[in-house]
């Protein structure tokens, strides 16, 4: 019988926020750590190293590192599992998988490597690519994000163009939440994250979601509403950001439920209903005007 060989991608969490006073497990990534994870993910995408399963420790940085790496590789970040201890042996957990991604602090990764008979000097964001079998493990390569390009391939892993952000950043969707009233349709507008402008929910389309599905998520997170999104988009528009052109698909959504503040993820934002014509004039991005008129 052929012995099971498991291809393992061991990723050290990215650099964490400085001067963090909260619980250690809740320490977030800082910008440098996010870029480390994204650069490793883009490298994995270019080399076709899509993991069958992803497992992280339970701290915030590990989960965020895994999600950012997977998305930068062009894959869905849904389904990432957590375990409080990755050093107790992973072969039984992934018996049916050929390739797995394990994300943890560098000390945990070092302990896991040691348990496999491998010793390697590690730093934040480093990826160790190895093969593990019952008789031991062998390192294929060690990838340090400092040695990878700062720009990302576009429109996919093999794209020749290079951009400031991972490719998926440039595909976005937005939703115009509305309701019917005796005076006509009203649009729900919300305050921007900075609180300086009026906006409608808009965001990057996560890999694995359609633009309409992503718009539904944005509506719940940014405006705290749920409803029926039209099957057909209202249209598209483009704008410049991150050194290139972002394309936004726009959908209408008739609101059927307004979430209470406790269930609204971004309840720090303001939100208010205004007549459709007023909304078009108040919104920061004037490109939404023609789409509101279509409602």
C-alpha atoms as a PDB file:
ATOM      1  CA  UNK A   1       0.000   0.000   0.000  1.00  0.00           C
ATOM      2  CA  UNK A   2       1.312   3.449  -0.931  1.00  0.00           C
ATOM      3  CA  UNK A   3       1.882   5.644   2.103  1.00  0.00           C
ATOM      4  CA  UNK A   4      -0.130   8.857   2.272  1.00  0.00           C
ATOM      5  CA  UNK A   5       1.885  11.990   1.471  1.00  0.00           C
ATOM      6  CA  UNK A   6       0.468  15.342   2.502  1.00  0.00           C
ATOM      7  CA  UNK A   7       1.614  18.559   0.853  1.00  0.00           C
ATOM      8  CA  UNK A   8       1.648  21.231   3.548  1.00  0.00           C
ATOM      9  CA  UNK A   9       1.809  25.010   3.344  1.00  0.00           C
ATOM     10  CA  UNK A  10       2.773  26.391   6.746  1.00  0.00           C
ATOM     11  CA  UNK A  11       2.244  30.137   6.879  1.00  0.00           C
ATOM     12  CA  UNK A  12       3.463  32.316   9.741  1.00  0.00           C
ATOM     13  CA  UNK A  13       1.003  35.067  10.646  1.00  0.00           C
ATOM     14  CA  UNK A  14       1.774  38.545   9.366  1.00  0.00           C
ATOM     15  CA  UNK A  15       3.120  41.410  11.454  1.00  0.00           C
ATOM     16  CA  UNK A  16       0.674  42.570  14.109  1.00  0.00           C
ATOM     17  CA  UNK A  17      -0.421  46.013  15.194  1.00  0.00           C
ATOM     18  CA  UNK A  18       2.071  47.908  17.341  1.00  0.00           C
ATOM     19  CA  UNK A  19       1.225  49.234  20.819  1.00  0.00           C
ATOM     20  CA  UNK A  20      -1.719  46.854  21.146  1.00  0.00           C
ATOM     21  CA  UNK A  21      -3.309  47.017  24.607  1.00  0.00           C
ATOM     22  CA  UNK A  22      -6.077  44.470  24.084  1.00  0.00           C
ATOM     23  CA  UNK A  23      -6.124  40.698  24.458  1.00  0.00           C
ATOM     24  CA  UNK A  24      -3.209  38.999  22.697  1.00  0.00           C
ATOM     25  CA  UNK A  25      -5.469  36.734  20.652  1.00  0.00           C
ATOM     26  CA  UNK A  26      -7.383  39.786  19.333  1.00  0.00           C
ATOM     27  CA  UNK A  27      -4.296  41.667  18.136  1.00  0.00           C
ATOM     28  CA  UNK A  28      -4.987  42.623  14.494  1.00  0.00           C
ATOM     29  CA  UNK A  29      -2.649  42.702  11.530  1.00  0.00           C
ATOM     30  CA  UNK A  30      -1.047  46.012  10.682  1.00  0.00           C
ATOM     31  CA  UNK A  31      -0.705  47.152   7.077  1.00  0.00           C
ATOM     32  CA  UNK A  32       2.683  45.454   6.743  1.00  0.00           C
ATOM     33  CA  UNK A  33       1.196  42.147   7.902  1.00  0.00           C
ATOM     34  CA  UNK A  34      -1.684  42.403   5.444  1.00  0.00           C
ATOM     35  CA  UNK A  35       0.728  42.972   2.568  1.00  0.00           C
ATOM     36  CA  UNK A  36       2.866  40.027   3.677  1.00  0.00           C
ATOM     37  CA  UNK A  37      -0.154  37.718   3.520  1.00  0.00           C
ATOM     38  CA  UNK A  38      -1.319  39.090   0.172  1.00  0.00           C
ATOM     39  CA  UNK A  39       2.104  38.729  -1.436  1.00  0.00           C
ATOM     40  CA  UNK A  40       2.325  35.101  -0.274  1.00  0.00           C
ATOM     41  CA  UNK A  41      -1.213  34.438  -1.534  1.00  0.00           C
ATOM     42  CA  UNK A  42      -0.417  35.903  -4.952  1.00  0.00           C
ATOM     43  CA  UNK A  43       2.685  33.701  -5.117  1.00  0.00           C
ATOM     44  CA  UNK A  44       0.591  30.641  -4.245  1.00  0.00           C
ATOM     45  CA  UNK A  45      -1.876  31.559  -7.008  1.00  0.00           C
ATOM     46  CA  UNK A  46       0.896  31.946  -9.570  1.00  0.00           C
ATOM     47  CA  UNK A  47       2.209  28.483  -8.683  1.00  0.00           C
ATOM     48  CA  UNK A  48      -1.180  26.765  -8.588  1.00  0.00           C
ATOM     49  CA  UNK A  49      -0.943  25.925  -4.883  1.00  0.00           C
ATOM     50  CA  UNK A  50      -4.614  26.051  -3.999  1.00  0.00           C
ATOM     51  CA  UNK A  51      -5.165  24.323  -0.643  1.00  0.00           C
ATOM     52  CA  UNK A  52      -7.898  21.744  -0.272  1.00  0.00           C
ATOM     53  CA  UNK A  53      -8.487  22.899   3.301  1.00  0.00           C
ATOM     54  CA  UNK A  54      -7.233  25.742   5.490  1.00  0.00           C
ATOM     55  CA  UNK A  55      -6.775  25.549   9.256  1.00  0.00           C
ATOM     56  CA  UNK A  56      -5.669  28.367  11.568  1.00  0.00           C
ATOM     57  CA  UNK A  57      -5.121  28.921  15.247  1.00  0.00           C
ATOM     58  CA  UNK A  58      -7.877  30.825  17.019  1.00  0.00           C
ATOM     59  CA  UNK A  59      -6.166  34.229  17.191  1.00  0.00           C
ATOM     60  CA  UNK A  60      -7.303  37.158  15.041  1.00  0.00           C
ATOM     61  CA  UNK A  61      -4.045  37.524  13.117  1.00  0.00           C
ATOM     62  CA  UNK A  62      -4.030  33.907  11.969  1.00  0.00           C
ATOM     63  CA  UNK A  63      -7.565  34.090  10.601  1.00  0.00           C
ATOM     64  CA  UNK A  64      -6.927  37.423   8.874  1.00  0.00           C
ATOM     65  CA  UNK A  65      -3.634  36.185   7.402  1.00  0.00           C
ATOM     66  CA  UNK A  66      -5.334  33.100   5.967  1.00  0.00           C
ATOM     67  CA  UNK A  67      -8.219  35.075   4.490  1.00  0.00           C
ATOM     68  CA  UNK A  68      -6.014  37.682   2.850  1.00  0.00           C
ATOM     69  CA  UNK A  69      -3.666  35.069   1.419  1.00  0.00           C
ATOM     70  CA  UNK A  70      -6.512  32.999  -0.046  1.00  0.00           C
ATOM     71  CA  UNK A  71      -8.232  36.010  -1.626  1.00  0.00           C
ATOM     72  CA  UNK A  72      -4.975  37.282  -3.120  1.00  0.00           C
ATOM     73  CA  UNK A  73      -4.533  33.838  -4.654  1.00  0.00           C
ATOM     74  CA  UNK A  74      -7.940  34.235  -6.312  1.00  0.00           C
ATOM     75  CA  UNK A  75      -9.799  31.789  -4.060  1.00  0.00           C
ATOM     76  CA  UNK A  76     -12.688  31.969  -1.637  1.00  0.00           C
ATOM     77  CA  UNK A  77     -11.838  32.585   2.004  1.00  0.00           C
ATOM     78  CA  UNK A  78     -15.033  30.910   3.205  1.00  0.00           C
ATOM     79  CA  UNK A  79     -14.673  27.642   5.060  1.00  0.00           C
ATOM     80  CA  UNK A  80     -11.469  28.471   6.952  1.00  0.00           C
ATOM     81  CA  UNK A  81     -11.447  26.276  10.068  1.00  0.00           C
ATOM     82  CA  UNK A  82      -9.842  26.964  13.447  1.00  0.00           C
ATOM     83  CA  UNK A  83      -8.048  24.805  15.988  1.00  0.00           C
ATOM     84  CA  UNK A  84      -6.624  25.903  19.360  1.00  0.00           C
ATOM     85  CA  UNK A  85      -3.488  23.797  18.829  1.00  0.00           C
ATOM     86  CA  UNK A  86      -1.904  22.793  15.528  1.00  0.00           C
ATOM     87  CA  UNK A  87       1.028  20.972  17.125  1.00  0.00           C
ATOM     88  CA  UNK A  88      -0.902  17.825  18.095  1.00  0.00           C
ATOM     89  CA  UNK A  89      -0.614  16.311  14.653  1.00  0.00           C
ATOM     90  CA  UNK A  90      -2.514  17.200  11.496  1.00  0.00           C
ATOM     91  CA  UNK A  91      -2.180  14.037   9.429  1.00  0.00           C
ATOM     92  CA  UNK A  92      -5.389  12.431  10.846  1.00  0.00           C
ATOM     93  CA  UNK A  93      -7.348  15.669  10.408  1.00  0.00           C
ATOM     94  CA  UNK A  94      -6.502  15.958   6.709  1.00  0.00           C
ATOM     95  CA  UNK A  95      -6.443  12.268   5.819  1.00  0.00           C
ATOM     96  CA  UNK A  96      -8.497  12.874   2.660  1.00  0.00           C
ATOM     97  CA  UNK A  97      -6.597  15.966   1.458  1.00  0.00           C
ATOM     98  CA  UNK A  98      -3.554  16.264  -0.793  1.00  0.00           C
ATOM     99  CA  UNK A  99      -2.655  19.855   0.113  1.00  0.00           C
ATOM    100  CA  UNK A 100      -3.503  21.937   3.184  1.00  0.00           C
ATOM    101  CA  UNK A 101      -2.714  25.428   4.404  1.00  0.00           C
ATOM    102  CA  UNK A 102      -1.947  25.861   8.102  1.00  0.00           C
ATOM    103  CA  UNK A 103      -1.659  29.400   9.473  1.00  0.00           C
ATOM    104  CA  UNK A 104      -0.289  30.166  12.932  1.00  0.00           C
ATOM    105  CA  UNK A 105       2.165  32.356  14.867  1.00  0.00           C
ATOM    106  CA  UNK A 106       5.773  31.619  13.964  1.00  0.00           C
ATOM    107  CA  UNK A 107       6.440  29.889  17.312  1.00  0.00           C
ATOM    108  CA  UNK A 108       3.578  27.461  16.659  1.00  0.00           C
ATOM    109  CA  UNK A 109       4.803  26.862  13.106  1.00  0.00           C
ATOM    110  CA  UNK A 110       8.322  26.198  14.435  1.00  0.00           C
ATOM    111  CA  UNK A 111       6.936  23.690  16.968  1.00  0.00           C
ATOM    112  CA  UNK A 112       4.925  21.948  14.270  1.00  0.00           C
ATOM    113  CA  UNK A 113       7.987  21.727  12.021  1.00  0.00           C
ATOM    114  CA  UNK A 114       9.998  20.365  14.938  1.00  0.00           C
ATOM    115  CA  UNK A 115       7.386  17.670  15.536  1.00  0.00           C
ATOM    116  CA  UNK A 116       7.891  16.662  11.898  1.00  0.00           C
ATOM    117  CA  UNK A 117      11.662  16.526  12.313  1.00  0.00           C
ATOM    118  CA  UNK A 118      12.303  19.820  10.509  1.00  0.00           C
ATOM    119  CA  UNK A 119      14.059  22.887  11.892  1.00  0.00           C
ATOM    120  CA  UNK A 120      13.858  26.241  10.129  1.00  0.00           C
ATOM    121  CA  UNK A 121      14.481  29.881  11.050  1.00  0.00           C
ATOM    122  CA  UNK A 122      11.213  31.814  10.640  1.00  0.00           C
ATOM    123  CA  UNK A 123       9.943  35.394  10.549  1.00  0.00           C
ATOM    124  CA  UNK A 124       6.458  36.959  10.233  1.00  0.00           C
ATOM    125  CA  UNK A 125       4.691  36.196   6.955  1.00  0.00           C
ATOM    126  CA  UNK A 126       7.073  33.417   5.866  1.00  0.00           C
ATOM    127  CA  UNK A 127       5.646  30.386   4.052  1.00  0.00           C
ATOM    128  CA  UNK A 128       7.169  26.919   4.420  1.00  0.00           C
ATOM    129  CA  UNK A 129       6.199  24.529   1.625  1.00  0.00           C
ATOM    130  CA  UNK A 130       6.861  20.892   2.492  1.00  0.00           C
ATOM    131  CA  UNK A 131       5.770  17.308   2.041  1.00  0.00           C
ATOM    132  CA  UNK A 132       4.883  15.280   5.098  1.00  0.00           C
ATOM    133  CA  UNK A 133       4.529  11.523   5.368  1.00  0.00           C
ATOM    134  CA  UNK A 134       4.469   9.055   8.256  1.00  0.00           C
ATOM    135  CA  UNK A 135       8.241   8.637   8.084  1.00  0.00           C
ATOM    136  CA  UNK A 136       8.985  12.368   8.210  1.00  0.00           C
ATOM    137  CA  UNK A 137       8.832  15.617   6.273  1.00  0.00           C
ATOM    138  CA  UNK A 138      10.889  17.328   3.591  1.00  0.00           C
ATOM    139  CA  UNK A 139      10.963  21.037   2.821  1.00  0.00           C
ATOM    140  CA  UNK A 140      10.378  21.949  -0.809  1.00  0.00           C
ATOM    141  CA  UNK A 141      10.972  25.672  -0.404  1.00  0.00           C
ATOM    142  CA  UNK A 142      10.762  28.576   2.034  1.00  0.00           C
ATOM    143  CA  UNK A 143       9.191  31.783   0.703  1.00  0.00           C
ATOM    144  CA  UNK A 144       9.814  35.122   2.415  1.00  0.00           C
ATOM    145  CA  UNK A 145       7.410  37.916   1.387  1.00  0.00           C
ATOM    146  CA  UNK A 146      10.336  40.353   1.459  1.00  0.00           C
ATOM    147  CA  UNK A 147      11.710  38.540  -1.597  1.00  0.00           C
ATOM    148  CA  UNK A 148       8.463  38.825  -3.582  1.00  0.00           C
ATOM    149  CA  UNK A 149       7.363  41.689  -5.893  1.00  0.00           C
ATOM    150  CA  UNK A 150       5.446  44.561  -4.319  1.00  0.00           C
ATOM    151  CA  UNK A 151       2.998  44.682  -7.249  1.00  0.00           C
ATOM    152  CA  UNK A 152       0.335  42.061  -8.010  1.00  0.00           C
ATOM    153  CA  UNK A 153      -0.491  40.331 -11.325  1.00  0.00           C
ATOM    154  CA  UNK A 154      -3.680  41.391 -13.100  1.00  0.00           C
ATOM    155  CA  UNK A 155      -6.283  40.232 -14.107  1.00  0.00           C
ATOM    156  CA  UNK A 156      -5.277  36.848 -12.709  1.00  0.00           C
ATOM    157  CA  UNK A 157      -2.298  34.878 -11.383  1.00  0.00           C
ATOM    158  CA  UNK A 158      -0.732  34.708 -14.871  1.00  0.00           C
ATOM    159  CA  UNK A 159      -1.604  38.262 -15.859  1.00  0.00           C
ATOM    160  CA  UNK A 160       1.194  40.381 -17.314  1.00  0.00           C
ATOM    161  CA  UNK A 161      -0.076  43.679 -15.926  1.00  0.00           C
ATOM    162  CA  UNK A 162       1.024  44.678 -12.423  1.00  0.00           C
ATOM    163  CA  UNK A 163      -1.130  46.633  -9.969  1.00  0.00           C
ATOM    164  CA  UNK A 164      -0.828  48.069  -6.464  1.00  0.00           C
ATOM    165  CA  UNK A 165      -3.426  45.719  -4.966  1.00  0.00           C
ATOM    166  CA  UNK A 166      -4.464  42.070  -5.534  1.00  0.00           C
ATOM    167  CA  UNK A 167      -6.528  41.615  -8.704  1.00  0.00           C
ATOM    168  CA  UNK A 168      -9.879  41.122  -6.969  1.00  0.00           C
ATOM    169  CA  UNK A 169      -9.767  44.640  -5.468  1.00  0.00           C
ATOM    170  CA  UNK A 170     -10.642  46.134  -8.860  1.00  0.00           C
ATOM    171  CA  UNK A 171     -13.944  44.258  -9.270  1.00  0.00           C
ATOM    172  CA  UNK A 172     -16.597  45.834  -7.056  1.00  0.00           C
ATOM    173  CA  UNK A 173     -20.337  45.952  -6.571  1.00  0.00           C
ATOM    174  CA  UNK A 174     -22.791  48.376  -4.995  1.00  0.00           C
ATOM    175  CA  UNK A 175     -26.419  48.280  -3.967  1.00  0.00           C
ATOM    176  CA  UNK A 176     -29.048  51.024  -3.804  1.00  0.00           C
ATOM    177  CA  UNK A 177     -31.464  50.117  -0.968  1.00  0.00           C
ATOM    178  CA  UNK A 178     -34.960  51.510  -1.527  1.00  0.00           C
ATOM    179  CA  UNK A 179     -38.527  51.290  -0.226  1.00  0.00           C
ATOM    180  CA  UNK A 180     -41.903  52.351  -1.535  1.00  0.00           C
ATOM    181  CA  UNK A 181     -43.895  55.136   0.115  1.00  0.00           C
ATOM    182  CA  UNK A 182     -47.081  57.042  -0.801  1.00  0.00           C
ATOM    183  CA  UNK A 183     -44.881  59.880  -2.063  1.00  0.00           C
ATOM    184  CA  UNK A 184     -42.738  57.591  -4.211  1.00  0.00           C
ATOM    185  CA  UNK A 185     -39.556  55.583  -3.777  1.00  0.00           C
ATOM    186  CA  UNK A 186     -37.146  56.447  -0.980  1.00  0.00           C
ATOM    187  CA  UNK A 187     -33.451  55.522  -0.870  1.00  0.00           C
ATOM    188  CA  UNK A 188     -31.499  54.589   2.249  1.00  0.00           C
ATOM    189  CA  UNK A 189     -28.179  56.426   2.383  1.00  0.00           C
ATOM    190  CA  UNK A 190     -25.509  55.946   5.032  1.00  0.00           C
ATOM    191  CA  UNK A 191     -22.545  57.864   6.321  1.00  0.00           C
ATOM    192  CA  UNK A 192     -19.151  56.918   4.908  1.00  0.00           C
ATOM    193  CA  UNK A 193     -16.625  55.166   7.157  1.00  0.00           C
ATOM    194  CA  UNK A 194     -15.035  58.565   7.836  1.00  0.00           C
ATOM    195  CA  UNK A 195     -18.415  60.195   8.448  1.00  0.00           C
ATOM    196  CA  UNK A 196     -17.685  62.962   5.945  1.00  0.00           C
ATOM    197  CA  UNK A 197     -19.899  61.840   3.044  1.00  0.00           C
ATOM    198  CA  UNK A 198     -23.209  60.169   2.207  1.00  0.00           C
ATOM    199  CA  UNK A 199     -22.882  56.850   0.380  1.00  0.00           C
ATOM    200  CA  UNK A 200     -24.708  53.662  -0.523  1.00  0.00           C
ATOM    201  CA  UNK A 201     -23.212  50.222   0.268  1.00  0.00           C
ATOM    202  CA  UNK A 202     -20.281  49.442  -2.026  1.00  0.00           C
ATOM    203  CA  UNK A 203     -17.304  47.140  -1.738  1.00  0.00           C
ATOM    204  CA  UNK A 204     -14.845  44.735  -3.283  1.00  0.00           C
ATOM    205  CA  UNK A 205     -16.325  41.499  -4.659  1.00  0.00           C
ATOM    206  CA  UNK A 206     -14.827  38.683  -2.615  1.00  0.00           C
ATOM    207  CA  UNK A 207     -13.537  35.709  -4.632  1.00  0.00           C
ATOM    208  CA  UNK A 208     -16.167  32.979  -4.550  1.00  0.00           C
ATOM    209  CA  UNK A 209     -19.104  35.410  -4.511  1.00  0.00           C
ATOM    210  CA  UNK A 210     -21.007  36.879  -7.440  1.00  0.00           C
ATOM    211  CA  UNK A 211     -21.271  40.689  -7.628  1.00  0.00           C
ATOM    212  CA  UNK A 212     -24.932  40.469  -6.574  1.00  0.00           C
ATOM    213  CA  UNK A 213     -24.111  38.211  -3.604  1.00  0.00           C
ATOM    214  CA  UNK A 214     -21.325  40.543  -2.560  1.00  0.00           C
ATOM    215  CA  UNK A 215     -23.705  43.525  -2.825  1.00  0.00           C
ATOM    216  CA  UNK A 216     -26.117  41.752  -0.486  1.00  0.00           C
ATOM    217  CA  UNK A 217     -23.325  41.316   2.067  1.00  0.00           C
ATOM    218  CA  UNK A 218     -22.358  44.990   1.779  1.00  0.00           C
ATOM    219  CA  UNK A 219     -25.987  46.044   2.333  1.00  0.00           C
ATOM    220  CA  UNK A 220     -26.171  44.065   5.565  1.00  0.00           C
ATOM    221  CA  UNK A 221     -22.770  45.189   6.856  1.00  0.00           C
ATOM    222  CA  UNK A 222     -22.731  48.861   5.846  1.00  0.00           C
ATOM    223  CA  UNK A 223     -26.433  49.783   5.946  1.00  0.00           C
ATOM    224  CA  UNK A 224     -27.838  47.132   8.280  1.00  0.00           C
ATOM    225  CA  UNK A 225     -30.604  46.077   5.878  1.00  0.00           C
ATOM    226  CA  UNK A 226     -31.771  42.968   4.054  1.00  0.00           C
ATOM    227  CA  UNK A 227     -34.028  42.663   1.053  1.00  0.00           C
ATOM    228  CA  UNK A 228     -34.636  41.450  -2.467  1.00  0.00           C
ATOM    229  CA  UNK A 229     -31.926  42.254  -4.996  1.00  0.00           C
ATOM    230  CA  UNK A 230     -33.038  42.526  -8.597  1.00  0.00           C
ATOM    231  CA  UNK A 231     -31.848  39.782 -10.931  1.00  0.00           C
ATOM    232  CA  UNK A 232     -30.580  42.329 -13.438  1.00  0.00           C
ATOM    233  CA  UNK A 233     -28.037  44.938 -12.491  1.00  0.00           C
ATOM    234  CA  UNK A 234     -28.872  48.585 -13.023  1.00  0.00           C
ATOM    235  CA  UNK A 235     -25.563  49.147 -14.791  1.00  0.00           C
ATOM    236  CA  UNK A 236     -21.864  49.704 -14.229  1.00  0.00           C
ATOM    237  CA  UNK A 237     -19.462  52.589 -13.762  1.00  0.00           C
ATOM    238  CA  UNK A 238     -15.717  52.978 -13.332  1.00  0.00           C
ATOM    239  CA  UNK A 239     -13.471  55.146 -11.195  1.00  0.00           C
ATOM    240  CA  UNK A 240      -9.759  55.416 -10.501  1.00  0.00           C
ATOM    241  CA  UNK A 241      -8.206  54.000  -7.343  1.00  0.00           C
ATOM    242  CA  UNK A 242      -5.032  52.141  -6.349  1.00  0.00           C
ATOM    243  CA  UNK A 243      -3.287  53.245  -9.507  1.00  0.00           C
ATOM    244  CA  UNK A 244      -5.808  51.694 -11.912  1.00  0.00           C
ATOM    245  CA  UNK A 245      -9.480  51.483 -12.900  1.00  0.00           C
ATOM    246  CA  UNK A 246     -12.084  49.863 -10.658  1.00  0.00           C
ATOM    247  CA  UNK A 247     -15.300  48.565 -12.261  1.00  0.00           C
ATOM    248  CA  UNK A 248     -18.469  48.696 -10.141  1.00  0.00           C
ATOM    249  CA  UNK A 249     -21.663  46.740 -10.859  1.00  0.00           C
ATOM    250  CA  UNK A 250     -24.746  48.439  -9.370  1.00  0.00           C
ATOM    251  CA  UNK A 251     -27.897  46.660  -8.152  1.00  0.00           C
ATOM    252  CA  UNK A 252     -31.192  47.811  -6.692  1.00  0.00           C
ATOM    253  CA  UNK A 253     -32.534  46.191  -3.523  1.00  0.00           C
ATOM    254  CA  UNK A 254     -36.025  46.591  -2.134  1.00  0.00           C
ATOM    255  CA  UNK A 255     -35.565  46.567   1.637  1.00  0.00           C
ATOM    256  CA  UNK A 256     -37.641  44.034   3.569  1.00  0.00           C
ATOM    257  CA  UNK A 257     -35.894  44.180   6.944  1.00  0.00           C
ATOM    258  CA  UNK A 258     -33.979  46.795   8.897  1.00  0.00           C
ATOM    259  CA  UNK A 259     -31.578  45.247  11.392  1.00  0.00           C
ATOM    260  CA  UNK A 260     -31.503  46.503  14.985  1.00  0.00           C
ATOM    261  CA  UNK A 261     -28.272  48.180  16.045  1.00  0.00           C
ATOM    262  CA  UNK A 262     -27.105  45.064  17.931  1.00  0.00           C
ATOM    263  CA  UNK A 263     -27.176  43.033  14.706  1.00  0.00           C
ATOM    264  CA  UNK A 264     -25.755  45.765  12.468  1.00  0.00           C
ATOM    265  CA  UNK A 265     -22.016  45.248  12.068  1.00  0.00           C
ATOM    266  CA  UNK A 266     -21.252  48.903  11.275  1.00  0.00           C
ATOM    267  CA  UNK A 267     -23.815  50.577  13.502  1.00  0.00           C
ATOM    268  CA  UNK A 268     -21.437  53.506  14.051  1.00  0.00           C
ATOM    269  CA  UNK A 269     -22.584  54.803  10.645  1.00  0.00           C
ATOM    270  CA  UNK A 270     -25.531  57.149  10.237  1.00  0.00           C
ATOM    271  CA  UNK A 271     -28.407  56.065   8.009  1.00  0.00           C
ATOM    272  CA  UNK A 272     -31.448  57.941   6.774  1.00  0.00           C
ATOM    273  CA  UNK A 273     -34.270  57.539   4.251  1.00  0.00           C
ATOM    274  CA  UNK A 274     -34.581  60.313   1.657  1.00  0.00           C
ATOM    275  CA  UNK A 275     -36.585  60.764  -1.568  1.00  0.00           C
ATOM    276  CA  UNK A 276     -34.804  59.218  -4.553  1.00  0.00           C
ATOM    277  CA  UNK A 277     -34.196  62.598  -6.191  1.00  0.00           C
ATOM    278  CA  UNK A 278     -32.671  63.951  -2.990  1.00  0.00           C
ATOM    279  CA  UNK A 279     -30.431  60.891  -2.603  1.00  0.00           C
ATOM    280  CA  UNK A 280     -28.896  61.418  -6.039  1.00  0.00           C
ATOM    281  CA  UNK A 281     -27.909  64.959  -5.067  1.00  0.00           C
ATOM    282  CA  UNK A 282     -26.595  64.017  -1.603  1.00  0.00           C
ATOM    283  CA  UNK A 283     -24.400  61.063  -2.556  1.00  0.00           C
ATOM    284  CA  UNK A 284     -20.655  61.675  -2.734  1.00  0.00           C
ATOM    285  CA  UNK A 285     -20.229  59.598  -5.906  1.00  0.00           C
ATOM    286  CA  UNK A 286     -22.425  61.283  -8.510  1.00  0.00           C
ATOM    287  CA  UNK A 287     -22.153  58.203 -10.756  1.00  0.00           C
ATOM    288  CA  UNK A 288     -25.065  56.708  -8.791  1.00  0.00           C
ATOM    289  CA  UNK A 289     -27.502  59.398  -9.994  1.00  0.00           C
ATOM    290  CA  UNK A 290     -28.548  57.699 -13.264  1.00  0.00           C
ATOM    291  CA  UNK A 291     -29.023  54.373 -11.480  1.00  0.00           C
ATOM    292  CA  UNK A 292     -31.250  55.911  -8.829  1.00  0.00           C
ATOM    293  CA  UNK A 293     -33.327  57.440 -11.620  1.00  0.00           C
ATOM    294  CA  UNK A 294     -33.872  53.912 -13.008  1.00  0.00           C
ATOM    295  CA  UNK A 295     -35.544  52.821  -9.772  1.00  0.00           C
END
